[in-house]
Amino acid sequence: MPRYEFSEGTSNKFWEINLSGKSFTTTYGKIGTSGQTTIKQFKSDAEAKKEYDKLIAEKVKKGYQAANGAGRAAADDDDEDADDEDEKPATKKAAAKPAAKAAAKPAAKAAAKPAAKASGSDKSTPRYFEFVEGTSNKFWEIKLDGTSVRTRYGKIGTSGQQTLKEFPDGDKANKEYDKLVNEKTKKGYEEKDGPGGGDDDHYDEIEE
């Protein structure tokens, strides 16, 4: 798996990418940590390869250097943030007002129920949320897996993307889980009996 690193000032980061048929996996974070993992799937091998080459080309311009010194590549501090589970709306200006309205009433109600449910539920069972407003039709799913927090997110009707965050102990993983659920409910996401339904198959593709 190609690995690239960036060290400048207080930044010490790495980025790895592995192409496999119609999908590729990226792992990124601070050097010395296991980082986070994201999987992207495409309709064909060619489409996956095209995006794979595009990402590396973009990262070459941003100053990351191949770990073996063969070249330079990779991204910013949060090079996957554009695809992060927060999945920020495409147009920030257009989304600003609707988001504020959505957070005013629906979010308050949504935050109350899921938050309460989280404290007494089995967090190892996936919880599924949806956000539907205007042109936004998104889902977000989360589960606690020992010392790891796994999420799946994307447009409703698709398999979406996945992330894996690992922590030193279960307590920190649990706190991250609660924080993420709280953030989502504040943004207007509502918990549903969705595709997750406790089915762990969605997460089998991520290798820790």
Foldseek 3Di string as FASTA:
>chain_A
DWKWWDDDDPATKMKDWAQDWQKIKMAMAHPPDRGKIKIDGHPGSVVRVVVVVVQFVVQQVVFIATPVRPGGGDDDNCRCVCQDQVVDDPDCVVVVVVQVVLLPPLLVVQLVVVLVCLVPDQQQFKWKWWDDDDPATKIKIWGQDWQKIKMAMDHPPDLGMIMIDGDPGRVVRSVVRSVVSNVCSSSNIHTDCDPRVRDCPSPVVDDD
